[in-house]
């Protein structure tokens, strides 16, 4: 049981009705998808960084 002001973040994919209820997922969908989009940018940046490091060896 969480505080009423708690925000759900999920790394996706989320199995609605199994991991998280449909109601809670829909309530926080905007934040969940924003966080997933941000994670995508971080992963891309890390891959570019690591690729550049590999070229310097």
PDB file of N, CA and C in Angstrom:
ATOM      1  N   UNK A   1       0.858  -1.173   0.000  1.00  0.00           N
ATOM      2  CA  UNK A   1       0.000   0.000   0.000  1.00  0.00           C
ATOM      3  C   UNK A   1       0.897   1.227   0.000  1.00  0.00           C
ATOM      4  N   UNK A   2       0.660   2.109  -0.925  1.00  0.00           N
ATOM      5  CA  UNK A   2       1.491   3.303  -1.081  1.00  0.00           C
ATOM      6  C   UNK A   2       0.750   4.540  -0.605  1.00  0.00           C
ATOM      7  N   UNK A   3       1.503   5.572  -0.364  1.00  0.00           N
ATOM      8  CA  UNK A   3       0.956   6.876  -0.037  1.00  0.00           C
ATOM      9  C   UNK A   3       0.065   7.330  -1.189  1.00  0.00           C
ATOM     10  N   UNK A   4      -0.973   8.084  -0.903  1.00  0.00           N
ATOM     11  CA  UNK A   4      -1.894   8.512  -1.971  1.00  0.00           C
ATOM     12  C   UNK A   4      -1.227   9.425  -2.991  1.00  0.00           C
ATOM     13  N   UNK A   5      -0.087  10.037  -2.637  1.00  0.00           N
ATOM     14  CA  UNK A   5       0.637  10.909  -3.559  1.00  0.00           C
ATOM     15  C   UNK A   5       1.755  10.184  -4.307  1.00  0.00           C
ATOM     16  N   UNK A   6       1.879   8.881  -4.112  1.00  0.00           N
ATOM     17  CA  UNK A   6       2.941   8.111  -4.761  1.00  0.00           C
ATOM     18  C   UNK A   6       2.723   8.079  -6.270  1.00  0.00           C
ATOM     19  N   UNK A   7       3.818   7.994  -7.004  1.00  0.00           N
ATOM     20  CA  UNK A   7       3.778   7.922  -8.465  1.00  0.00           C
ATOM     21  C   UNK A   7       4.382   6.589  -8.887  1.00  0.00           C
ATOM     22  N   UNK A   8       3.728   5.910  -9.795  1.00  0.00           N
ATOM     23  CA  UNK A   8       4.219   4.640 -10.313  1.00  0.00           C
ATOM     24  C   UNK A   8       5.170   4.901 -11.472  1.00  0.00           C
ATOM     25  N   UNK A   9       6.359   4.328 -11.400  1.00  0.00           N
ATOM     26  CA  UNK A   9       7.292   4.324 -12.518  1.00  0.00           C
ATOM     27  C   UNK A   9       7.555   2.864 -12.859  1.00  0.00           C
ATOM     28  N   UNK A  10       7.608   2.557 -14.133  1.00  0.00           N
ATOM     29  CA  UNK A  10       7.833   1.176 -14.565  1.00  0.00           C
ATOM     30  C   UNK A  10       8.781   1.204 -15.749  1.00  0.00           C
ATOM     31  N   UNK A  11       9.662   0.224 -15.830  1.00  0.00           N
ATOM     32  CA  UNK A  11      10.652   0.205 -16.910  1.00  0.00           C
ATOM     33  C   UNK A  11      10.077  -0.332 -18.225  1.00  0.00           C
ATOM     34  N   UNK A  12       8.883  -0.831 -18.224  1.00  0.00           N
ATOM     35  CA  UNK A  12       8.174  -1.347 -19.389  1.00  0.00           C
ATOM     36  C   UNK A  12       8.916  -2.513 -20.032  1.00  0.00           C
ATOM     37  N   UNK A  13       8.264  -3.436 -20.618  1.00  0.00           N
ATOM     38  CA  UNK A  13       6.819  -3.516 -20.750  1.00  0.00           C
ATOM     39  C   UNK A  13       6.167  -3.908 -19.429  1.00  0.00           C
ATOM     40  N   UNK A  14       5.007  -3.379 -19.210  1.00  0.00           N
ATOM     41  CA  UNK A  14       4.236  -3.682 -18.001  1.00  0.00           C
ATOM     42  C   UNK A  14       3.079  -4.590 -18.384  1.00  0.00           C
ATOM     43  N   UNK A  15       2.896  -5.628 -17.634  1.00  0.00           N
ATOM     44  CA  UNK A  15       1.790  -6.540 -17.877  1.00  0.00           C
ATOM     45  C   UNK A  15       0.605  -6.087 -17.040  1.00  0.00           C
ATOM     46  N   UNK A  16      -0.267  -5.321 -17.684  1.00  0.00           N
ATOM     47  CA  UNK A  16      -1.433  -4.757 -16.994  1.00  0.00           C
ATOM     48  C   UNK A  16      -2.322  -5.869 -16.465  1.00  0.00           C
ATOM     49  N   UNK A  17      -2.766  -5.677 -15.249  1.00  0.00           N
ATOM     50  CA  UNK A  17      -3.610  -6.668 -14.614  1.00  0.00           C
ATOM     51  C   UNK A  17      -2.829  -7.781 -13.940  1.00  0.00           C
ATOM     52  N   UNK A  18      -1.523  -7.844 -14.200  1.00  0.00           N
ATOM     53  CA  UNK A  18      -0.675  -8.856 -13.568  1.00  0.00           C
ATOM     54  C   UNK A  18       0.338  -8.180 -12.647  1.00  0.00           C
ATOM     55  N   UNK A  19       1.171  -7.302 -13.217  1.00  0.00           N
ATOM     56  CA  UNK A  19       2.154  -6.566 -12.421  1.00  0.00           C
ATOM     57  C   UNK A  19       1.546  -5.321 -11.794  1.00  0.00           C
ATOM     58  N   UNK A  20       0.669  -4.710 -12.525  1.00  0.00           N
ATOM     59  CA  UNK A  20       0.067  -3.452 -12.087  1.00  0.00           C
ATOM     60  C   UNK A  20      -1.379  -3.421 -12.580  1.00  0.00           C
ATOM     61  N   UNK A  21      -2.254  -2.883 -11.767  1.00  0.00           N
ATOM     62  CA  UNK A  21      -3.664  -2.843 -12.169  1.00  0.00           C
ATOM     63  C   UNK A  21      -3.860  -1.864 -13.324  1.00  0.00           C
ATOM     64  N   UNK A  22      -4.856  -2.125 -14.117  1.00  0.00           N
ATOM     65  CA  UNK A  22      -5.186  -1.253 -15.248  1.00  0.00           C
ATOM     66  C   UNK A  22      -5.440   0.169 -14.764  1.00  0.00           C
ATOM     67  N   UNK A  23      -6.166   0.296 -13.675  1.00  0.00           N
ATOM     68  CA  UNK A  23      -6.517   1.614 -13.127  1.00  0.00           C
ATOM     69  C   UNK A  23      -5.268   2.411 -12.744  1.00  0.00           C
ATOM     70  N   UNK A  24      -4.358   1.786 -12.045  1.00  0.00           N
ATOM     71  CA  UNK A  24      -3.136   2.475 -11.609  1.00  0.00           C
ATOM     72  C   UNK A  24      -2.254   2.802 -12.806  1.00  0.00           C
ATOM     73  N   UNK A  25      -2.130   1.864 -13.752  1.00  0.00           N
ATOM     74  CA  UNK A  25      -1.313   2.124 -14.937  1.00  0.00           C
ATOM     75  C   UNK A  25      -1.853   3.319 -15.706  1.00  0.00           C
ATOM     76  N   UNK A  26      -3.149   3.351 -15.949  1.00  0.00           N
ATOM     77  CA  UNK A  26      -3.749   4.459 -16.692  1.00  0.00           C
ATOM     78  C   UNK A  26      -3.603   5.783 -15.946  1.00  0.00           C
ATOM     79  N   UNK A  27      -3.698   5.733 -14.630  1.00  0.00           N
ATOM     80  CA  UNK A  27      -3.569   6.953 -13.823  1.00  0.00           C
ATOM     81  C   UNK A  27      -2.181   7.572 -13.984  1.00  0.00           C
ATOM     82  N   UNK A  28      -1.159   6.733 -14.138  1.00  0.00           N
ATOM     83  CA  UNK A  28       0.218   7.219 -14.196  1.00  0.00           C
ATOM     84  C   UNK A  28       0.856   7.037 -15.578  1.00  0.00           C
ATOM     85  N   UNK A  29       0.080   6.751 -16.592  1.00  0.00           N
ATOM     86  CA  UNK A  29       0.618   6.446 -17.917  1.00  0.00           C
ATOM     87  C   UNK A  29       1.496   7.566 -18.462  1.00  0.00           C
ATOM     88  N   UNK A  30       1.105   8.823 -18.270  1.00  0.00           N
ATOM     89  CA  UNK A  30       1.906   9.927 -18.798  1.00  0.00           C
ATOM     90  C   UNK A  30       3.306   9.936 -18.194  1.00  0.00           C
ATOM     91  N   UNK A  31       3.408   9.699 -16.899  1.00  0.00           N
ATOM     92  CA  UNK A  31       4.711   9.681 -16.226  1.00  0.00           C
ATOM     93  C   UNK A  31       5.500   8.437 -16.623  1.00  0.00           C
ATOM     94  N   UNK A  32       4.822   7.311 -16.727  1.00  0.00           N
ATOM     95  CA  UNK A  32       5.490   6.060 -17.098  1.00  0.00           C
ATOM     96  C   UNK A  32       6.115   6.183 -18.482  1.00  0.00           C
ATOM     97  N   UNK A  33       5.377   6.695 -19.454  1.00  0.00           N
ATOM     98  CA  UNK A  33       5.896   6.798 -20.815  1.00  0.00           C
ATOM     99  C   UNK A  33       6.955   7.888 -20.939  1.00  0.00           C
ATOM    100  N   UNK A  34       6.832   8.960 -20.168  1.00  0.00           N
ATOM    101  CA  UNK A  34       7.868   9.998 -20.165  1.00  0.00           C
ATOM    102  C   UNK A  34       9.174   9.420 -19.630  1.00  0.00           C
ATOM    103  N   UNK A  35       9.101   8.662 -18.558  1.00  0.00           N
ATOM    104  CA  UNK A  35      10.288   8.030 -17.983  1.00  0.00           C
ATOM    105  C   UNK A  35      10.897   7.027 -18.963  1.00  0.00           C
ATOM    106  N   UNK A  36      10.068   6.262 -19.655  1.00  0.00           N
ATOM    107  CA  UNK A  36      10.564   5.296 -20.641  1.00  0.00           C
ATOM    108  C   UNK A  36      11.268   6.017 -21.792  1.00  0.00           C
ATOM    109  N   UNK A  37      10.723   7.139 -22.232  1.00  0.00           N
ATOM    110  CA  UNK A  37      11.346   7.925 -23.303  1.00  0.00           C
ATOM    111  C   UNK A  37      12.703   8.461 -22.837  1.00  0.00           C
ATOM    112  N   UNK A  38      12.752   8.965 -21.609  1.00  0.00           N
ATOM    113  CA  UNK A  38      14.019   9.463 -21.070  1.00  0.00           C
ATOM    114  C   UNK A  38      15.054   8.350 -20.984  1.00  0.00           C
ATOM    115  N   UNK A  39      14.619   7.163 -20.589  1.00  0.00           N
ATOM    116  CA  UNK A  39      15.534   6.030 -20.498  1.00  0.00           C
ATOM    117  C   UNK A  39      16.105   5.689 -21.873  1.00  0.00           C
ATOM    118  N   UNK A  40      15.286   5.787 -22.907  1.00  0.00           N
ATOM    119  CA  UNK A  40      15.739   5.510 -24.263  1.00  0.00           C
ATOM    120  C   UNK A  40      16.879   6.448 -24.649  1.00  0.00           C
ATOM    121  N   UNK A  41      16.748   7.740 -24.338  1.00  0.00           N
ATOM    122  CA  UNK A  41      17.796   8.709 -24.657  1.00  0.00           C
ATOM    123  C   UNK A  41      19.084   8.407 -23.895  1.00  0.00           C
ATOM    124  N   UNK A  42      18.961   7.998 -22.651  1.00  0.00           N
ATOM    125  CA  UNK A  42      20.144   7.658 -21.852  1.00  0.00           C
ATOM    126  C   UNK A  42      20.840   6.429 -22.428  1.00  0.00           C
ATOM    127  N   UNK A  43      20.082   5.428 -22.806  1.00  0.00           N
ATOM    128  CA  UNK A  43      20.670   4.217 -23.389  1.00  0.00           C
ATOM    129  C   UNK A  43      21.387   4.554 -24.692  1.00  0.00           C
ATOM    130  N   UNK A  44      20.777   5.382 -25.537  1.00  0.00           N
ATOM    131  CA  UNK A  44      21.421   5.784 -26.793  1.00  0.00           C
ATOM    132  C   UNK A  44      22.722   6.530 -26.520  1.00  0.00           C
ATOM    133  N   UNK A  45      22.706   7.442 -25.554  1.00  0.00           N
ATOM    134  CA  UNK A  45      23.909   8.206 -25.214  1.00  0.00           C
ATOM    135  C   UNK A  45      25.011   7.286 -24.698  1.00  0.00           C
ATOM    136  N   UNK A  46      24.654   6.326 -23.863  1.00  0.00           N
ATOM    137  CA  UNK A  46      25.650   5.380 -23.355  1.00  0.00           C
ATOM    138  C   UNK A  46      26.250   4.539 -24.477  1.00  0.00           C
ATOM    139  N   UNK A  47      25.418   4.098 -25.400  1.00  0.00           N
ATOM    140  CA  UNK A  47      25.930   3.314 -26.523  1.00  0.00           C
ATOM    141  C   UNK A  47      26.893   4.137 -27.374  1.00  0.00           C
ATOM    142  N   UNK A  48      26.556   5.392 -27.634  1.00  0.00           N
ATOM    143  CA  UNK A  48      27.456   6.271 -28.397  1.00  0.00           C
ATOM    144  C   UNK A  48      28.768   6.478 -27.649  1.00  0.00           C
ATOM    145  N   UNK A  49      28.679   6.735 -26.358  1.00  0.00           N
ATOM    146  CA  UNK A  49      29.874   6.935 -25.538  1.00  0.00           C
ATOM    147  C   UNK A  49      30.766   5.699 -25.570  1.00  0.00           C
ATOM    148  N   UNK A  50      30.176   4.534 -25.355  1.00  0.00           N
ATOM    149  CA  UNK A  50      30.959   3.301 -25.339  1.00  0.00           C
ATOM    150  C   UNK A  50      31.567   3.002 -26.703  1.00  0.00           C
ATOM    151  N   UNK A  51      30.840   3.299 -27.768  1.00  0.00           N
ATOM    152  CA  UNK A  51      31.365   3.090 -29.113  1.00  0.00           C
ATOM    153  C   UNK A  51      32.558   4.004 -29.359  1.00  0.00           C
ATOM    154  N   UNK A  52      32.473   5.249 -28.907  1.00  0.00           N
ATOM    155  CA  UNK A  52      33.593   6.185 -29.056  1.00  0.00           C
ATOM    156  C   UNK A  52      34.798   5.739 -28.234  1.00  0.00           C
ATOM    157  N   UNK A  53      34.569   5.195 -27.055  1.00  0.00           N
ATOM    158  CA  UNK A  53      35.669   4.703 -26.220  1.00  0.00           C
ATOM    159  C   UNK A  53      36.362   3.518 -26.883  1.00  0.00           C
ATOM    160  N   UNK A  54      35.595   2.682 -27.523  1.00  0.00           N
ATOM    161  CA  UNK A  54      36.159   1.510 -28.195  1.00  0.00           C
ATOM    162  C   UNK A  54      37.085   1.941 -29.327  1.00  0.00           C
ATOM    163  N   UNK A  55      36.731   3.011 -30.022  1.00  0.00           N
ATOM    164  CA  UNK A  55      37.546   3.508 -31.125  1.00  0.00           C
ATOM    165  C   UNK A  55      38.864   4.112 -30.678  1.00  0.00           C
ATOM    166  N   UNK A  56      38.994   4.451 -29.413  1.00  0.00           N
ATOM    167  CA  UNK A  56      40.221   5.074 -28.894  1.00  0.00           C
ATOM    168  C   UNK A  56      41.252   4.051 -28.440  1.00  0.00           C
ATOM    169  N   UNK A  57      40.896   2.802 -28.406  1.00  0.00           N
ATOM    170  CA  UNK A  57      41.829   1.765 -27.923  1.00  0.00           C
ATOM    171  C   UNK A  57      42.881   1.447 -28.944  1.00  0.00           C
TER     172      UNK A  57
END
